[in-house]
PDB file of N, CA and C in Angstrom:
ATOM      1  N   MET A   1      -4.472 -28.086 -36.728  1.00  0.00           N
ATOM      2  CA  MET A   1      -4.087 -28.418 -35.383  1.00  0.00           C
ATOM      3  C   MET A   1      -3.960 -27.160 -34.533  1.00  0.00           C
ATOM      4  N   ARG A   2      -3.399 -26.116 -35.140  1.00  0.00           N
ATOM      5  CA  ARG A   2      -3.187 -24.869 -34.416  1.00  0.00           C
ATOM      6  C   ARG A   2      -4.517 -24.241 -34.010  1.00  0.00           C
ATOM      7  N   SER A   3      -5.523 -24.261 -34.882  1.00  0.00           N
ATOM      8  CA  SER A   3      -6.824 -23.688 -34.544  1.00  0.00           C
ATOM      9  C   SER A   3      -7.524 -24.502 -33.456  1.00  0.00           C
ATOM     10  N   LEU A   4      -7.256 -25.798 -33.420  1.00  0.00           N
ATOM     11  CA  LEU A   4      -7.828 -26.653 -32.382  1.00  0.00           C
ATOM     12  C   LEU A   4      -7.303 -26.237 -31.008  1.00  0.00           C
ATOM     13  N   LEU A   5      -6.044 -25.848 -30.918  1.00  0.00           N
ATOM     14  CA  LEU A   5      -5.464 -25.409 -29.650  1.00  0.00           C
ATOM     15  C   LEU A   5      -6.115 -24.112 -29.165  1.00  0.00           C
ATOM     16  N   HIS A   6      -6.594 -23.284 -30.066  1.00  0.00           N
ATOM     17  CA  HIS A   6      -7.286 -22.048 -29.688  1.00  0.00           C
ATOM     18  C   HIS A   6      -8.724 -22.319 -29.259  1.00  0.00           C
ATOM     19  N   VAL A   7      -9.352 -23.303 -29.865  1.00  0.00           N
ATOM     20  CA  VAL A   7     -10.745 -23.633 -29.573  1.00  0.00           C
ATOM     21  C   VAL A   7     -10.877 -24.434 -28.285  1.00  0.00           C
ATOM     22  N   LEU A   8      -9.922 -25.278 -27.995  1.00  0.00           N
ATOM     23  CA  LEU A   8      -9.981 -26.164 -26.839  1.00  0.00           C
ATOM     24  C   LEU A   8     -10.160 -25.418 -25.509  1.00  0.00           C
ATOM     25  N   PRO A   9      -9.395 -24.349 -25.213  1.00  0.00           N
ATOM     26  CA  PRO A   9      -9.632 -23.642 -23.949  1.00  0.00           C
ATOM     27  C   PRO A   9     -11.043 -23.044 -23.855  1.00  0.00           C
ATOM     28  N   CYS A  10     -11.576 -22.544 -24.952  1.00  0.00           N
ATOM     29  CA  CYS A  10     -12.933 -21.988 -24.952  1.00  0.00           C
ATOM     30  C   CYS A  10     -13.963 -23.081 -24.680  1.00  0.00           C
ATOM     31  N   LEU A  11     -13.758 -24.250 -25.299  1.00  0.00           N
ATOM     32  CA  LEU A  11     -14.657 -25.372 -25.091  1.00  0.00           C
ATOM     33  C   LEU A  11     -14.618 -25.832 -23.633  1.00  0.00           C
ATOM     34  N   MET A  12     -13.437 -25.882 -23.039  1.00  0.00           N
ATOM     35  CA  MET A  12     -13.298 -26.275 -21.636  1.00  0.00           C
ATOM     36  C   MET A  12     -14.021 -25.282 -20.725  1.00  0.00           C
ATOM     37  N   LEU A  13     -13.920 -24.008 -21.023  1.00  0.00           N
ATOM     38  CA  LEU A  13     -14.591 -22.975 -20.231  1.00  0.00           C
ATOM     39  C   LEU A  13     -16.102 -23.128 -20.322  1.00  0.00           C
ATOM     40  N   LEU A  14     -16.623 -23.396 -21.503  1.00  0.00           N
ATOM     41  CA  LEU A  14     -18.062 -23.599 -21.666  1.00  0.00           C
ATOM     42  C   LEU A  14     -18.551 -24.818 -20.905  1.00  0.00           C
ATOM     43  N   LEU A  15     -17.809 -25.902 -20.962  1.00  0.00           N
ATOM     44  CA  LEU A  15     -18.199 -27.109 -20.246  1.00  0.00           C
ATOM     45  C   LEU A  15     -18.160 -26.910 -18.739  1.00  0.00           C
ATOM     46  N   ALA A  16     -17.192 -26.167 -18.253  1.00  0.00           N
ATOM     47  CA  ALA A  16     -17.079 -25.921 -16.814  1.00  0.00           C
ATOM     48  C   ALA A  16     -18.208 -25.050 -16.296  1.00  0.00           C
ATOM     49  N   SER A  17     -18.733 -24.174 -17.129  1.00  0.00           N
ATOM     50  CA  SER A  17     -19.792 -23.273 -16.681  1.00  0.00           C
ATOM     51  C   SER A  17     -21.194 -23.808 -16.958  1.00  0.00           C
ATOM     52  N   ALA A  18     -21.309 -24.968 -17.593  1.00  0.00           N
ATOM     53  CA  ALA A  18     -22.622 -25.539 -17.884  1.00  0.00           C
ATOM     54  C   ALA A  18     -23.280 -26.007 -16.599  1.00  0.00           C
ATOM     55  N   PRO A  19     -24.605 -25.800 -16.464  1.00  0.00           N
ATOM     56  CA  PRO A  19     -25.267 -26.255 -15.248  1.00  0.00           C
ATOM     57  C   PRO A  19     -25.287 -27.774 -15.158  1.00  0.00           C
ATOM     58  N   THR A  20     -25.249 -28.272 -13.926  1.00  0.00           N
ATOM     59  CA  THR A  20     -25.327 -29.703 -13.698  1.00  0.00           C
ATOM     60  C   THR A  20     -26.532 -29.981 -12.828  1.00  0.00           C
ATOM     61  N   SER A  21     -26.848 -31.247 -12.652  1.00  0.00           N
ATOM     62  CA  SER A  21     -27.999 -31.587 -11.817  1.00  0.00           C
ATOM     63  C   SER A  21     -27.745 -31.243 -10.362  1.00  0.00           C
ATOM     64  N   ALA A  22     -26.476 -31.176  -9.934  1.00  0.00           N
ATOM     65  CA  ALA A  22     -26.172 -30.833  -8.550  1.00  0.00           C
ATOM     66  C   ALA A  22     -26.356 -29.341  -8.294  1.00  0.00           C
ATOM     67  N   GLN A  23     -26.213 -28.531  -9.319  1.00  0.00           N
ATOM     68  CA  GLN A  23     -26.392 -27.098  -9.171  1.00  0.00           C
ATOM     69  C   GLN A  23     -27.610 -26.690  -9.976  1.00  0.00           C
ATOM     70  N   SER A  24     -28.622 -26.221  -9.281  1.00  0.00           N
ATOM     71  CA  SER A  24     -29.864 -25.846  -9.926  1.00  0.00           C
ATOM     72  C   SER A  24     -30.104 -24.361  -9.733  1.00  0.00           C
ATOM     73  N   ASP A  25     -30.896 -23.771 -10.613  1.00  0.00           N
ATOM     74  CA  ASP A  25     -31.264 -22.370 -10.432  1.00  0.00           C
ATOM     75  C   ASP A  25     -32.586 -22.256  -9.673  1.00  0.00           C
ATOM     76  N   SER A  26     -33.103 -23.363  -9.163  1.00  0.00           N
ATOM     77  CA  SER A  26     -34.328 -23.346  -8.381  1.00  0.00           C
ATOM     78  C   SER A  26     -34.044 -22.770  -6.995  1.00  0.00           C
ATOM     79  N   ALA A  27     -35.051 -22.081  -6.433  1.00  0.00           N
ATOM     80  CA  ALA A  27     -34.873 -21.446  -5.129  1.00  0.00           C
ATOM     81  C   ALA A  27     -36.204 -21.377  -4.387  1.00  0.00           C
ATOM     82  N   ILE A  28     -36.116 -21.240  -3.079  1.00  0.00           N
ATOM     83  CA  ILE A  28     -37.271 -20.929  -2.242  1.00  0.00           C
ATOM     84  C   ILE A  28     -36.919 -19.645  -1.521  1.00  0.00           C
ATOM     85  N   PHE A  29     -37.806 -18.663  -1.633  1.00  0.00           N
ATOM     86  CA  PHE A  29     -37.548 -17.366  -1.011  1.00  0.00           C
ATOM     87  C   PHE A  29     -38.866 -16.786  -0.520  1.00  0.00           C
ATOM     88  N   GLY A  30     -38.777 -15.704   0.235  1.00  0.00           N
ATOM     89  CA  GLY A  30     -40.009 -15.088   0.706  1.00  0.00           C
ATOM     90  C   GLY A  30     -39.773 -14.035   1.767  1.00  0.00           C
ATOM     91  N   THR A  31     -40.865 -13.691   2.452  1.00  0.00           N
ATOM     92  CA  THR A  31     -40.850 -12.647   3.465  1.00  0.00           C
ATOM     93  C   THR A  31     -41.664 -13.106   4.667  1.00  0.00           C
ATOM     94  N   VAL A  32     -41.170 -12.776   5.852  1.00  0.00           N
ATOM     95  CA  VAL A  32     -41.852 -13.106   7.101  1.00  0.00           C
ATOM     96  C   VAL A  32     -42.387 -11.805   7.705  1.00  0.00           C
ATOM     97  N   PHE A  33     -43.688 -11.844   8.110  1.00  0.00           N
ATOM     98  CA  PHE A  33     -44.357 -10.672   8.667  1.00  0.00           C
ATOM     99  C   PHE A  33     -44.939 -10.979  10.040  1.00  0.00           C
ATOM    100  N   ASP A  34     -45.183  -9.914  10.806  1.00  0.00           N
ATOM    101  CA  ASP A  34     -45.973  -9.985  12.032  1.00  0.00           C
ATOM    102  C   ASP A  34     -47.431  -9.954  11.598  1.00  0.00           C
ATOM    103  N   VAL A  35     -48.248 -10.934  12.021  1.00  0.00           N
ATOM    104  CA  VAL A  35     -49.638 -11.023  11.581  1.00  0.00           C
ATOM    105  C   VAL A  35     -50.480  -9.842  12.077  1.00  0.00           C
ATOM    106  N   VAL A  36     -50.131  -9.267  13.227  1.00  0.00           N
ATOM    107  CA  VAL A  36     -50.903  -8.159  13.796  1.00  0.00           C
ATOM    108  C   VAL A  36     -50.556  -6.827  13.137  1.00  0.00           C
ATOM    109  N   THR A  37     -49.273  -6.507  13.080  1.00  0.00           N
ATOM    110  CA  THR A  37     -48.845  -5.196  12.573  1.00  0.00           C
ATOM    111  C   THR A  37     -48.604  -5.177  11.071  1.00  0.00           C
ATOM    112  N   GLN A  38     -48.457  -6.370  10.470  1.00  0.00           N
ATOM    113  CA  GLN A  38     -48.117  -6.519   9.057  1.00  0.00           C
ATOM    114  C   GLN A  38     -46.738  -5.931   8.723  1.00  0.00           C
ATOM    115  N   GLN A  39     -45.897  -5.770   9.727  1.00  0.00           N
ATOM    116  CA  GLN A  39     -44.526  -5.297   9.523  1.00  0.00           C
ATOM    117  C   GLN A  39     -43.612  -6.499   9.281  1.00  0.00           C
ATOM    118  N   PRO A  40     -42.591  -6.327   8.432  1.00  0.00           N
ATOM    119  CA  PRO A  40     -41.648  -7.424   8.206  1.00  0.00           C
ATOM    120  C   PRO A  40     -40.871  -7.744   9.479  1.00  0.00           C
ATOM    121  N   LEU A  41     -40.526  -9.024   9.648  1.00  0.00           N
ATOM    122  CA  LEU A  41     -39.792  -9.472  10.836  1.00  0.00           C
ATOM    123  C   LEU A  41     -38.332  -9.752  10.505  1.00  0.00           C
ATOM    124  N   ALA A  42     -37.457  -8.960  11.101  1.00  0.00           N
ATOM    125  CA  ALA A  42     -36.023  -9.207  10.983  1.00  0.00           C
ATOM    126  C   ALA A  42     -35.622 -10.275  11.995  1.00  0.00           C
ATOM    127  N   ASP A  43     -34.549 -10.960  11.714  1.00  0.00           N
ATOM    128  CA  ASP A  43     -33.938 -11.933  12.628  1.00  0.00           C
ATOM    129  C   ASP A  43     -34.805 -13.147  12.932  1.00  0.00           C
ATOM    130  N   ALA A  44     -35.714 -13.501  12.042  1.00  0.00           N
ATOM    131  CA  ALA A  44     -36.460 -14.754  12.194  1.00  0.00           C
ATOM    132  C   ALA A  44     -35.588 -15.885  11.653  1.00  0.00           C
ATOM    133  N   LEU A  45     -35.587 -17.001  12.339  1.00  0.00           N
ATOM    134  CA  LEU A  45     -34.817 -18.168  11.936  1.00  0.00           C
ATOM    135  C   LEU A  45     -35.674 -19.007  10.991  1.00  0.00           C
ATOM    136  N   VAL A  46     -35.134 -19.306   9.800  1.00  0.00           N
ATOM    137  CA  VAL A  46     -35.863 -20.096   8.804  1.00  0.00           C
ATOM    138  C   VAL A  46     -35.039 -21.352   8.517  1.00  0.00           C
ATOM    139  N   THR A  47     -35.653 -22.514   8.745  1.00  0.00           N
ATOM    140  CA  THR A  47     -34.974 -23.790   8.549  1.00  0.00           C
ATOM    141  C   THR A  47     -35.632 -24.536   7.395  1.00  0.00           C
ATOM    142  N   LEU A  48     -34.819 -25.021   6.462  1.00  0.00           N
ATOM    143  CA  LEU A  48     -35.286 -25.754   5.290  1.00  0.00           C
ATOM    144  C   LEU A  48     -34.853 -27.207   5.412  1.00  0.00           C
ATOM    145  N   ARG A  49     -35.817 -28.123   5.236  1.00  0.00           N
ATOM    146  CA  ARG A  49     -35.526 -29.558   5.280  1.00  0.00           C
ATOM    147  C   ARG A  49     -36.114 -30.229   4.045  1.00  0.00           C
ATOM    148  N   SER A  50     -35.409 -31.278   3.581  1.00  0.00           N
ATOM    149  CA  SER A  50     -35.890 -32.039   2.431  1.00  0.00           C
ATOM    150  C   SER A  50     -35.098 -33.331   2.311  1.00  0.00           C
ATOM    151  N   PRO A  51     -35.751 -34.406   1.856  1.00  0.00           N
ATOM    152  CA  PRO A  51     -34.999 -35.621   1.532  1.00  0.00           C
ATOM    153  C   PRO A  51     -34.007 -35.382   0.385  1.00  0.00           C
ATOM    154  N   ALA A  52     -34.233 -34.318  -0.402  1.00  0.00           N
ATOM    155  CA  ALA A  52     -33.351 -34.005  -1.528  1.00  0.00           C
ATOM    156  C   ALA A  52     -32.036 -33.361  -1.077  1.00  0.00           C
ATOM    157  N   LEU A  53     -31.955 -32.953   0.201  1.00  0.00           N
ATOM    158  CA  LEU A  53     -30.752 -32.315   0.737  1.00  0.00           C
ATOM    159  C   LEU A  53     -30.010 -33.272   1.656  1.00  0.00           C
ATOM    160  N   GLN A  54     -28.702 -33.139   1.713  1.00  0.00           N
ATOM    161  CA  GLN A  54     -27.914 -33.966   2.616  1.00  0.00           C
ATOM    162  C   GLN A  54     -28.087 -33.511   4.063  1.00  0.00           C
ATOM    163  N   GLU A  55     -28.291 -32.225   4.267  1.00  0.00           N
ATOM    164  CA  GLU A  55     -28.500 -31.690   5.610  1.00  0.00           C
ATOM    165  C   GLU A  55     -29.422 -30.483   5.525  1.00  0.00           C
ATOM    166  N   GLU A  56     -30.021 -30.119   6.661  1.00  0.00           N
ATOM    167  CA  GLU A  56     -30.921 -28.969   6.651  1.00  0.00           C
ATOM    168  C   GLU A  56     -30.119 -27.692   6.446  1.00  0.00           C
ATOM    169  N   ARG A  57     -30.810 -26.680   5.947  1.00  0.00           N
ATOM    170  CA  ARG A  57     -30.195 -25.366   5.741  1.00  0.00           C
ATOM    171  C   ARG A  57     -30.932 -24.362   6.612  1.00  0.00           C
ATOM    172  N   VAL A  58     -30.187 -23.394   7.136  1.00  0.00           N
ATOM    173  CA  VAL A  58     -30.756 -22.394   8.031  1.00  0.00           C
ATOM    174  C   VAL A  58     -30.294 -21.011   7.591  1.00  0.00           C
ATOM    175  N   VAL A  59     -31.248 -20.064   7.535  1.00  0.00           N
ATOM    176  CA  VAL A  59     -30.930 -18.664   7.278  1.00  0.00           C
ATOM    177  C   VAL A  59     -31.691 -17.802   8.281  1.00  0.00           C
ATOM    178  N   VAL A  60     -31.290 -16.546   8.382  1.00  0.00           N
ATOM    179  CA  VAL A  60     -31.961 -15.571   9.236  1.00  0.00           C
ATOM    180  C   VAL A  60     -32.491 -14.472   8.332  1.00  0.00           C
ATOM    181  N   THR A  61     -33.730 -14.028   8.579  1.00  0.00           N
ATOM    182  CA  THR A  61     -34.308 -12.969   7.738  1.00  0.00           C
ATOM    183  C   THR A  61     -33.547 -11.665   7.925  1.00  0.00           C
ATOM    184  N   ASP A  62     -33.506 -10.876   6.859  1.00  0.00           N
ATOM    185  CA  ASP A  62     -32.841  -9.578   6.915  1.00  0.00           C
ATOM    186  C   ASP A  62     -33.770  -8.527   7.536  1.00  0.00           C
ATOM    187  N   THR A  63     -33.378  -7.276   7.502  1.00  0.00           N
ATOM    188  CA  THR A  63     -34.166  -6.205   8.132  1.00  0.00           C
ATOM    189  C   THR A  63     -35.529  -6.013   7.481  1.00  0.00           C
ATOM    190  N   GLN A  64     -35.698  -6.488   6.259  1.00  0.00           N
ATOM    191  CA  GLN A  64     -36.985  -6.391   5.558  1.00  0.00           C
ATOM    192  C   GLN A  64     -37.791  -7.693   5.659  1.00  0.00           C
ATOM    193  N   GLY A  65     -37.313  -8.647   6.464  1.00  0.00           N
ATOM    194  CA  GLY A  65     -38.013  -9.908   6.639  1.00  0.00           C
ATOM    195  C   GLY A  65     -37.783 -10.917   5.522  1.00  0.00           C
ATOM    196  N   HIS A  66     -36.856 -10.630   4.621  1.00  0.00           N
ATOM    197  CA  HIS A  66     -36.613 -11.496   3.463  1.00  0.00           C
ATOM    198  C   HIS A  66     -35.680 -12.650   3.807  1.00  0.00           C
ATOM    199  N   PHE A  67     -35.923 -13.790   3.166  1.00  0.00           N
ATOM    200  CA  PHE A  67     -35.032 -14.942   3.255  1.00  0.00           C
ATOM    201  C   PHE A  67     -34.931 -15.571   1.869  1.00  0.00           C
ATOM    202  N   ARG A  68     -33.860 -16.358   1.665  1.00  0.00           N
ATOM    203  CA  ARG A  68     -33.657 -17.004   0.357  1.00  0.00           C
ATOM    204  C   ARG A  68     -32.794 -18.257   0.525  1.00  0.00           C
ATOM    205  N   PHE A  69     -33.239 -19.334  -0.117  1.00  0.00           N
ATOM    206  CA  PHE A  69     -32.471 -20.579  -0.212  1.00  0.00           C
ATOM    207  C   PHE A  69     -32.232 -20.830  -1.702  1.00  0.00           C
ATOM    208  N   PRO A  70     -31.055 -20.481  -2.224  1.00  0.00           N
ATOM    209  CA  PRO A  70     -30.776 -20.654  -3.661  1.00  0.00           C
ATOM    210  C   PRO A  70     -30.241 -22.047  -3.989  1.00  0.00           C
ATOM    211  N   LYS A  71     -30.183 -22.343  -5.284  1.00  0.00           N
ATOM    212  CA  LYS A  71     -29.550 -23.545  -5.835  1.00  0.00           C
ATOM    213  C   LYS A  71     -30.045 -24.828  -5.174  1.00  0.00           C
ATOM    214  N   LEU A  72     -31.349 -25.028  -5.251  1.00  0.00           N
ATOM    215  CA  LEU A  72     -31.951 -26.221  -4.648  1.00  0.00           C
ATOM    216  C   LEU A  72     -32.296 -27.264  -5.708  1.00  0.00           C
ATOM    217  N   PRO A  73     -32.098 -28.539  -5.384  1.00  0.00           N
ATOM    218  CA  PRO A  73     -32.544 -29.576  -6.308  1.00  0.00           C
ATOM    219  C   PRO A  73     -34.065 -29.719  -6.221  1.00  0.00           C
ATOM    220  N   PRO A  74     -34.701 -30.254  -7.248  1.00  0.00           N
ATOM    221  CA  PRO A  74     -36.146 -30.460  -7.185  1.00  0.00           C
ATOM    222  C   PRO A  74     -36.493 -31.459  -6.084  1.00  0.00           C
ATOM    223  N   GLY A  75     -37.697 -31.301  -5.529  1.00  0.00           N
ATOM    224  CA  GLY A  75     -38.136 -32.226  -4.496  1.00  0.00           C
ATOM    225  C   GLY A  75     -39.156 -31.596  -3.568  1.00  0.00           C
ATOM    226  N   ARG A  76     -39.495 -32.340  -2.501  1.00  0.00           N
ATOM    227  CA  ARG A  76     -40.438 -31.870  -1.477  1.00  0.00           C
ATOM    228  C   ARG A  76     -39.646 -31.191  -0.374  1.00  0.00           C
ATOM    229  N   TYR A  77     -40.173 -30.045   0.080  1.00  0.00           N
ATOM    230  CA  TYR A  77     -39.490 -29.257   1.096  1.00  0.00           C
ATOM    231  C   TYR A  77     -40.433 -28.875   2.223  1.00  0.00           C
ATOM    232  N   ALA A  78     -39.832 -28.684   3.400  1.00  0.00           N
ATOM    233  CA  ALA A  78     -40.549 -28.181   4.568  1.00  0.00           C
ATOM    234  C   ALA A  78     -39.762 -26.996   5.115  1.00  0.00           C
ATOM    235  N   LEU A  79     -40.494 -25.948   5.501  1.00  0.00           N
ATOM    236  CA  LEU A  79     -39.892 -24.756   6.094  1.00  0.00           C
ATOM    237  C   LEU A  79     -40.409 -24.594   7.522  1.00  0.00           C
ATOM    238  N   ARG A  80     -39.519 -24.225   8.429  1.00  0.00           N
ATOM    239  CA  ARG A  80     -39.911 -23.902   9.803  1.00  0.00           C
ATOM    240  C   ARG A  80     -39.448 -22.487  10.086  1.00  0.00           C
ATOM    241  N   PHE A  81     -40.364 -21.683  10.644  1.00  0.00           N
ATOM    242  CA  PHE A  81     -40.095 -20.275  10.951  1.00  0.00           C
ATOM    243  C   PHE A  81     -40.147 -20.098  12.465  1.00  0.00           C
ATOM    244  N   GLU A  82     -39.107 -19.477  13.019  1.00  0.00           N
ATOM    245  CA  GLU A  82     -39.044 -19.258  14.460  1.00  0.00           C
ATOM    246  C   GLU A  82     -38.541 -17.849  14.764  1.00  0.00           C
ATOM    247  N   HIS A  83     -39.081 -17.282  15.833  1.00  0.00           N
ATOM    248  CA  HIS A  83     -38.639 -15.987  16.333  1.00  0.00           C
ATOM    249  C   HIS A  83     -38.901 -15.990  17.827  1.00  0.00           C
ATOM    250  N   LEU A  84     -38.063 -15.342  18.579  1.00  0.00           N
ATOM    251  CA  LEU A  84     -38.120 -15.395  20.037  1.00  0.00           C
ATOM    252  C   LEU A  84     -39.492 -15.065  20.621  1.00  0.00           C
ATOM    253  N   ILE A  85     -40.187 -14.079  20.077  1.00  0.00           N
ATOM    254  CA  ILE A  85     -41.464 -13.649  20.678  1.00  0.00           C
ATOM    255  C   ILE A  85     -42.686 -14.006  19.831  1.00  0.00           C
ATOM    256  N   TYR A  86     -42.544 -15.034  18.984  1.00  0.00           N
ATOM    257  CA  TYR A  86     -43.646 -15.484  18.130  1.00  0.00           C
ATOM    258  C   TYR A  86     -43.785 -17.001  18.234  1.00  0.00           C
ATOM    259  N   TYR A  87     -44.994 -17.483  17.970  1.00  0.00           N
ATOM    260  CA  TYR A  87     -45.194 -18.924  17.876  1.00  0.00           C
ATOM    261  C   TYR A  87     -44.490 -19.437  16.630  1.00  0.00           C
ATOM    262  N   PRO A  88     -43.874 -20.622  16.690  1.00  0.00           N
ATOM    263  CA  PRO A  88     -43.260 -21.191  15.483  1.00  0.00           C
ATOM    264  C   PRO A  88     -44.327 -21.552  14.452  1.00  0.00           C
ATOM    265  N   HIS A  89     -43.915 -21.603  13.201  1.00  0.00           N
ATOM    266  CA  HIS A  89     -44.832 -21.929  12.105  1.00  0.00           C
ATOM    267  C   HIS A  89     -44.111 -22.860  11.137  1.00  0.00           C
ATOM    268  N   MET A  90     -44.840 -23.848  10.599  1.00  0.00           N
ATOM    269  CA  MET A  90     -44.262 -24.769   9.615  1.00  0.00           C
ATOM    270  C   MET A  90     -45.058 -24.796   8.329  1.00  0.00           C
ATOM    271  N   ARG A  91     -44.341 -24.933   7.228  1.00  0.00           N
ATOM    272  CA  ARG A  91     -44.945 -25.180   5.913  1.00  0.00           C
ATOM    273  C   ARG A  91     -44.338 -26.481   5.407  1.00  0.00           C
ATOM    274  N   THR A  92     -45.175 -27.483   5.194  1.00  0.00           N
ATOM    275  CA  THR A  92     -44.661 -28.789   4.768  1.00  0.00           C
ATOM    276  C   THR A  92     -45.137 -29.180   3.378  1.00  0.00           C
ATOM    277  N   ASP A  93     -45.826 -28.293   2.721  1.00  0.00           N
ATOM    278  CA  ASP A  93     -46.487 -28.612   1.451  1.00  0.00           C
ATOM    279  C   ASP A  93     -45.766 -28.064   0.226  1.00  0.00           C
ATOM    280  N   LEU A  94     -44.461 -27.895   0.302  1.00  0.00           N
ATOM    281  CA  LEU A  94     -43.742 -27.246  -0.794  1.00  0.00           C
ATOM    282  C   LEU A  94     -43.145 -28.272  -1.745  1.00  0.00           C
ATOM    283  N   GLU A  95     -43.511 -28.154  -3.011  1.00  0.00           N
ATOM    284  CA  GLU A  95     -42.989 -29.027  -4.067  1.00  0.00           C
ATOM    285  C   GLU A  95     -42.224 -28.146  -5.051  1.00  0.00           C
ATOM    286  N   LEU A  96     -40.918 -28.343  -5.117  1.00  0.00           N
ATOM    287  CA  LEU A  96     -40.068 -27.522  -5.978  1.00  0.00           C
ATOM    288  C   LEU A  96     -39.714 -28.307  -7.236  1.00  0.00           C
ATOM    289  N   ARG A  97     -39.927 -27.680  -8.390  1.00  0.00           N
ATOM    290  CA  ARG A  97     -39.607 -28.306  -9.681  1.00  0.00           C
ATOM    291  C   ARG A  97     -38.329 -27.712 -10.247  1.00  0.00           C
ATOM    292  N   GLU A  98     -37.689 -28.471 -11.101  1.00  0.00           N
ATOM    293  CA  GLU A  98     -36.445 -28.040 -11.735  1.00  0.00           C
ATOM    294  C   GLU A  98     -36.649 -26.723 -12.479  1.00  0.00           C
ATOM    295  N   GLY A  99     -35.746 -25.777 -12.260  1.00  0.00           N
ATOM    296  CA  GLY A  99     -35.796 -24.498 -12.952  1.00  0.00           C
ATOM    297  C   GLY A  99     -36.870 -23.546 -12.461  1.00  0.00           C
ATOM    298  N   ARG A 100     -37.563 -23.890 -11.397  1.00  0.00           N
ATOM    299  CA  ARG A 100     -38.630 -23.047 -10.843  1.00  0.00           C
ATOM    300  C   ARG A 100     -38.220 -22.520  -9.474  1.00  0.00           C
ATOM    301  N   SER A 101     -38.905 -21.482  -9.019  1.00  0.00           N
ATOM    302  CA  SER A 101     -38.704 -20.946  -7.681  1.00  0.00           C
ATOM    303  C   SER A 101     -40.050 -20.819  -6.995  1.00  0.00           C
ATOM    304  N   LEU A 102     -40.022 -20.920  -5.679  1.00  0.00           N
ATOM    305  CA  LEU A 102     -41.233 -20.762  -4.877  1.00  0.00           C
ATOM    306  C   LEU A 102     -41.080 -19.559  -3.955  1.00  0.00           C
ATOM    307  N   ARG A 103     -42.176 -18.784  -3.866  1.00  0.00           N
ATOM    308  CA  ARG A 103     -42.205 -17.629  -2.963  1.00  0.00           C
ATOM    309  C   ARG A 103     -43.149 -17.942  -1.806  1.00  0.00           C
ATOM    310  N   ALA A 104     -42.699 -17.682  -0.585  1.00  0.00           N
ATOM    311  CA  ALA A 104     -43.513 -17.921   0.608  1.00  0.00           C
ATOM    312  C   ALA A 104     -43.767 -16.598   1.328  1.00  0.00           C
ATOM    313  N   HIS A 105     -45.026 -16.305   1.578  1.00  0.00           N
ATOM    314  CA  HIS A 105     -45.447 -15.146   2.367  1.00  0.00           C
ATOM    315  C   HIS A 105     -45.912 -15.721   3.704  1.00  0.00           C
ATOM    316  N   VAL A 106     -45.187 -15.430   4.776  1.00  0.00           N
ATOM    317  CA  VAL A 106     -45.449 -16.063   6.065  1.00  0.00           C
ATOM    318  C   VAL A 106     -45.766 -15.001   7.103  1.00  0.00           C
ATOM    319  N   GLU A 107     -46.840 -15.251   7.865  1.00  0.00           N
ATOM    320  CA  GLU A 107     -47.223 -14.343   8.944  1.00  0.00           C
ATOM    321  C   GLU A 107     -47.134 -15.090  10.270  1.00  0.00           C
ATOM    322  N   LEU A 108     -46.288 -14.589  11.176  1.00  0.00           N
ATOM    323  CA  LEU A 108     -46.137 -15.209  12.482  1.00  0.00           C
ATOM    324  C   LEU A 108     -47.031 -14.524  13.507  1.00  0.00           C
ATOM    325  N   VAL A 109     -47.564 -15.329  14.414  1.00  0.00           N
ATOM    326  CA  VAL A 109     -48.469 -14.842  15.465  1.00  0.00           C
ATOM    327  C   VAL A 109     -47.656 -14.588  16.730  1.00  0.00           C
ATOM    328  N   PRO A 110     -47.791 -13.393  17.326  1.00  0.00           N
ATOM    329  CA  PRO A 110     -47.051 -13.098  18.558  1.00  0.00           C
ATOM    330  C   PRO A 110     -47.432 -14.057  19.690  1.00  0.00           C
ATOM    331  N   ASP A 111     -46.440 -14.443  20.474  1.00  0.00           N
ATOM    332  CA  ASP A 111     -46.633 -15.277  21.652  1.00  0.00           C
ATOM    333  C   ASP A 111     -46.589 -14.348  22.861  1.00  0.00           C
ATOM    334  N   PRO A 112     -47.711 -14.200  23.603  1.00  0.00           N
ATOM    335  CA  PRO A 112     -47.733 -13.277  24.732  1.00  0.00           C
ATOM    336  C   PRO A 112     -46.667 -13.574  25.788  1.00  0.00           C
ATOM    337  N   GLU A 113     -46.234 -14.823  25.854  1.00  0.00           N
ATOM    338  CA  GLU A 113     -45.200 -15.188  26.819  1.00  0.00           C
ATOM    339  C   GLU A 113     -43.836 -15.349  26.169  1.00  0.00           C
ATOM    340  N   GLY A 114     -43.744 -15.027  24.904  1.00  0.00           N
ATOM    341  CA  GLY A 114     -42.487 -15.180  24.181  1.00  0.00           C
ATOM    342  C   GLY A 114     -41.396 -14.289  24.758  1.00  0.00           C
ATOM    343  N   GLY A 115     -40.212 -14.829  24.847  1.00  0.00           N
ATOM    344  CA  GLY A 115     -39.068 -14.070  25.336  1.00  0.00           C
ATOM    345  C   GLY A 115     -39.011 -13.970  26.841  1.00  0.00           C
ATOM    346  N   VAL A 116     -39.992 -14.535  27.553  1.00  0.00           N
ATOM    347  CA  VAL A 116     -39.999 -14.483  29.016  1.00  0.00           C
ATOM    348  C   VAL A 116     -39.257 -15.695  29.549  1.00  0.00           C
ATOM    349  N   ILE A 117     -38.299 -15.436  30.398  1.00  0.00           N
ATOM    350  CA  ILE A 117     -37.544 -16.518  31.016  1.00  0.00           C
ATOM    351  C   ILE A 117     -37.960 -16.604  32.472  1.00  0.00           C
ATOM    352  N   SER A 118     -38.439 -17.753  32.883  1.00  0.00           N
ATOM    353  CA  SER A 118     -38.876 -17.956  34.269  1.00  0.00           C
ATOM    354  C   SER A 118     -37.797 -18.682  35.051  1.00  0.00           C
ATOM    355  N   CYS A 119     -37.479 -18.160  36.234  1.00  0.00           N
ATOM    356  CA  CYS A 119     -36.514 -18.800  37.110  1.00  0.00           C
ATOM    357  C   CYS A 119     -37.224 -19.224  38.394  1.00  0.00           C
ATOM    358  N   TYR A 120     -37.017 -20.442  38.793  1.00  0.00           N
ATOM    359  CA  TYR A 120     -37.668 -20.939  40.012  1.00  0.00           C
ATOM    360  C   TYR A 120     -36.631 -21.288  41.046  1.00  0.00           C
TER     361      TYR A 120
END
């Protein structure tokens, strides 16, 4: 009985740390670039949508143009990329499997009128 009391806390810790279907190690990550200069784009807005999610997720690229959506359930995903002076871009063909990750290399096209505010 005494040894059982020592084993029980360890068993509880193992069960608490075991992965569940709600928490997956699957992820979608990548880098956003300027198509003309091939330089990474900081501060691009990346929106992730899927029927597998309760709500959309949004991140902003870092100074190296990197983004990451961790702990995703398997399913079909769509990504939308936006930046003030670039045309928006969508990827709707992403199929994520359990225990896998997807990498996206995205090149945004500059919008010649991007960032211009017209007042009439």
